[in-house]
C-alpha atoms as a PDB file:
ATOM      1  CA  MET A   1       0.223  -0.171  -0.274  1.00  0.00           C
ATOM      2  CA  TYR A   2       1.043   3.385  -0.463  1.00  0.00           C
ATOM      3  CA  VAL A   3       1.204   6.459   1.597  1.00  0.00           C
ATOM      4  CA  MET A   4       1.103   9.515   0.248  1.00  0.00           C
ATOM      5  CA  HIS A   5       3.286  12.322   2.330  1.00  0.00           C
ATOM      6  CA  THR A   6       3.171  16.085   2.351  1.00  0.00           C
ATOM      7  CA  LYS A   7       5.339  18.353   3.107  1.00  0.00           C
ATOM      8  CA  LEU A   8       3.750  20.450   6.210  1.00  0.00           C
ATOM      9  CA  THR A   9       5.608  23.155   8.399  1.00  0.00           C
ATOM     10  CA  LEU A  10       5.226  24.469  11.257  1.00  0.00           C
ATOM     11  CA  ARG A  11       6.365  27.697  13.098  1.00  0.00           C
ATOM     12  CA  MET A  12       6.816  27.368  16.868  1.00  0.00           C
ATOM     13  CA  ASP A  13       9.153  28.688  19.493  1.00  0.00           C
ATOM     14  CA  ASP A  14      12.378  28.349  18.899  1.00  0.00           C
ATOM     15  CA  VAL A  15      13.193  26.468  22.664  1.00  0.00           C
ATOM     16  CA  LEU A  16       9.827  24.068  21.542  1.00  0.00           C
ATOM     17  CA  VAL A  17      11.869  23.505  18.258  1.00  0.00           C
ATOM     18  CA  GLU A  18      15.004  22.267  20.193  1.00  0.00           C
ATOM     19  CA  GLN A  19      13.123  20.211  23.191  1.00  0.00           C
ATOM     20  CA  ALA A  20      10.791  18.087  20.058  1.00  0.00           C
ATOM     21  CA  LYS A  21      13.982  17.733  18.414  1.00  0.00           C
ATOM     22  CA  ALA A  22      15.306  16.321  21.224  1.00  0.00           C
ATOM     23  CA  GLU A  23      12.886  14.416  22.304  1.00  0.00           C
ATOM     24  CA  ALA A  24      12.540  12.618  19.093  1.00  0.00           C
ATOM     25  CA  ALA A  25      16.523  11.739  19.148  1.00  0.00           C
ATOM     26  CA  GLN A  26      15.395  10.386  22.725  1.00  0.00           C
ATOM     27  CA  ARG A  27      13.016   8.139  20.721  1.00  0.00           C
ATOM     28  CA  GLY A  28      14.902   7.055  17.884  1.00  0.00           C
ATOM     29  CA  LYS A  29      12.021   8.944  15.648  1.00  0.00           C
ATOM     30  CA  SER A  30      12.125  11.352  14.014  1.00  0.00           C
ATOM     31  CA  VAL A  31       9.973  14.832  14.799  1.00  0.00           C
ATOM     32  CA  SER A  32       7.647  14.438  11.950  1.00  0.00           C
ATOM     33  CA  GLN A  33       7.203  10.688  12.756  1.00  0.00           C
ATOM     34  CA  MET A  34       6.323  12.247  17.416  1.00  0.00           C
ATOM     35  CA  PHE A  35       4.108  14.736  15.554  1.00  0.00           C
ATOM     36  CA  ALA A  36       1.981  11.995  13.268  1.00  0.00           C
ATOM     37  CA  GLU A  37       1.658   9.484  16.374  1.00  0.00           C
ATOM     38  CA  PHE A  38       0.727  12.731  18.696  1.00  0.00           C
ATOM     39  CA  VAL A  39      -1.561  14.457  16.131  1.00  0.00           C
ATOM     40  CA  ALA A  40      -3.046  10.734  14.990  1.00  0.00           C
ATOM     41  CA  LEU A  41      -4.282   9.780  19.165  1.00  0.00           C
ATOM     42  CA  LEU A  42      -6.284  12.938  18.775  1.00  0.00           C
ATOM     43  CA  ALA A  43      -8.387  11.378  16.608  1.00  0.00           C
ATOM     44  CA  PRO A  44     -12.089  11.270  18.579  1.00  0.00           C
ATOM     45  CA  SER A  45     -13.096   7.841  17.296  1.00  0.00           C
ATOM     46  CA  ARG A  46      -9.356   6.410  18.606  1.00  0.00           C
ATOM     47  CA  ARG A  47      -9.256   8.295  21.530  1.00  0.00           C
ATOM     48  CA  GLU A  48     -12.952   6.807  23.023  1.00  0.00           C
ATOM     49  CA  ARG A  49     -11.590   3.711  22.136  1.00  0.00           C
ATOM     50  CA  ALA A  50      -8.492   3.639  24.022  1.00  0.00           C
ATOM     51  CA  LEU A  51     -10.226   4.981  26.846  1.00  0.00           C
ATOM     52  CA  PRO A  52     -11.279   2.256  30.047  1.00  0.00           C
ATOM     53  CA  PRO A  53     -14.916   1.567  30.205  1.00  0.00           C
ATOM     54  CA  VAL A  54     -15.831   3.707  33.908  1.00  0.00           C
ATOM     55  CA  THR A  55     -13.893   6.534  32.730  1.00  0.00           C
ATOM     56  CA  GLY A  56     -15.809   6.510  29.333  1.00  0.00           C
ATOM     57  CA  SER A  57     -18.602   6.668  30.569  1.00  0.00           C
ATOM     58  CA  LEU A  58     -16.889  10.045  33.258  1.00  0.00           C
ATOM     59  CA  ARG A  59     -15.992  11.719  29.694  1.00  0.00           C
ATOM     60  CA  GLY A  60     -18.295  15.283  30.009  1.00  0.00           C
ATOM     61  CA  ILE A  61     -20.228  14.489  32.687  1.00  0.00           C
ATOM     62  CA  MET A  62     -19.121  18.328  34.369  1.00  0.00           C
ATOM     63  CA  LYS A  63     -19.358  19.873  30.868  1.00  0.00           C
ATOM     64  CA  GLY A  64     -20.959  23.559  30.700  1.00  0.00           C
ATOM     65  CA  ARG A  65     -20.066  23.530  34.985  1.00  0.00           C
ATOM     66  CA  ARG A  66     -17.756  26.292  36.563  1.00  0.00           C
ATOM     67  CA  LEU A  67     -16.283  24.509  39.227  1.00  0.00           C
ATOM     68  CA  SER A  68     -13.174  26.850  41.063  1.00  0.00           C
ATOM     69  CA  GLU A  69     -10.202  25.444  43.505  1.00  0.00           C
ATOM     70  CA  GLU A  70     -11.940  26.989  46.609  1.00  0.00           C
ATOM     71  CA  ASP A  71     -15.713  24.826  45.358  1.00  0.00           C
ATOM     72  CA  TYR A  72     -13.461  21.286  45.602  1.00  0.00           C
ATOM     73  CA  LYS A  73     -12.153  22.746  48.838  1.00  0.00           C
ATOM     74  CA  LYS A  74     -15.335  23.083  50.449  1.00  0.00           C
ATOM     75  CA  HIS A  75     -15.892  19.178  48.841  1.00  0.00           C
ATOM     76  CA  LEU A  76     -12.620  17.823  50.634  1.00  0.00           C
ATOM     77  CA  ARG A  77     -13.606  19.265  54.185  1.00  0.00           C
ATOM     78  CA  GLY A  78     -17.369  17.818  53.509  1.00  0.00           C
ATOM     79  CA  LYS A  79     -15.746  14.608  53.117  1.00  0.00           C
ATOM     80  CA  TYR A  80     -13.263  13.890  55.408  1.00  0.00           C
ATOM     81  CA  SER A  81     -14.862  16.099  58.119  1.00  0.00           C
END
């Protein structure tokens, strides 16, 4: 099977580029290969399949709610007092 490859140019901070190159070298991959794998992980169908059933069932449960750190602390105080 033939896969067509297309060149993609990204603009990033110099420090981030160097970090990406170092990480890719450490993994024994090219930055392009590492980026392609990352983008593939973002695909919704693949992401949903990768979640364990309990985690998947909780996905989106808090959507639209605004909770602060203080709300969380209040919850913990009530739970453990």
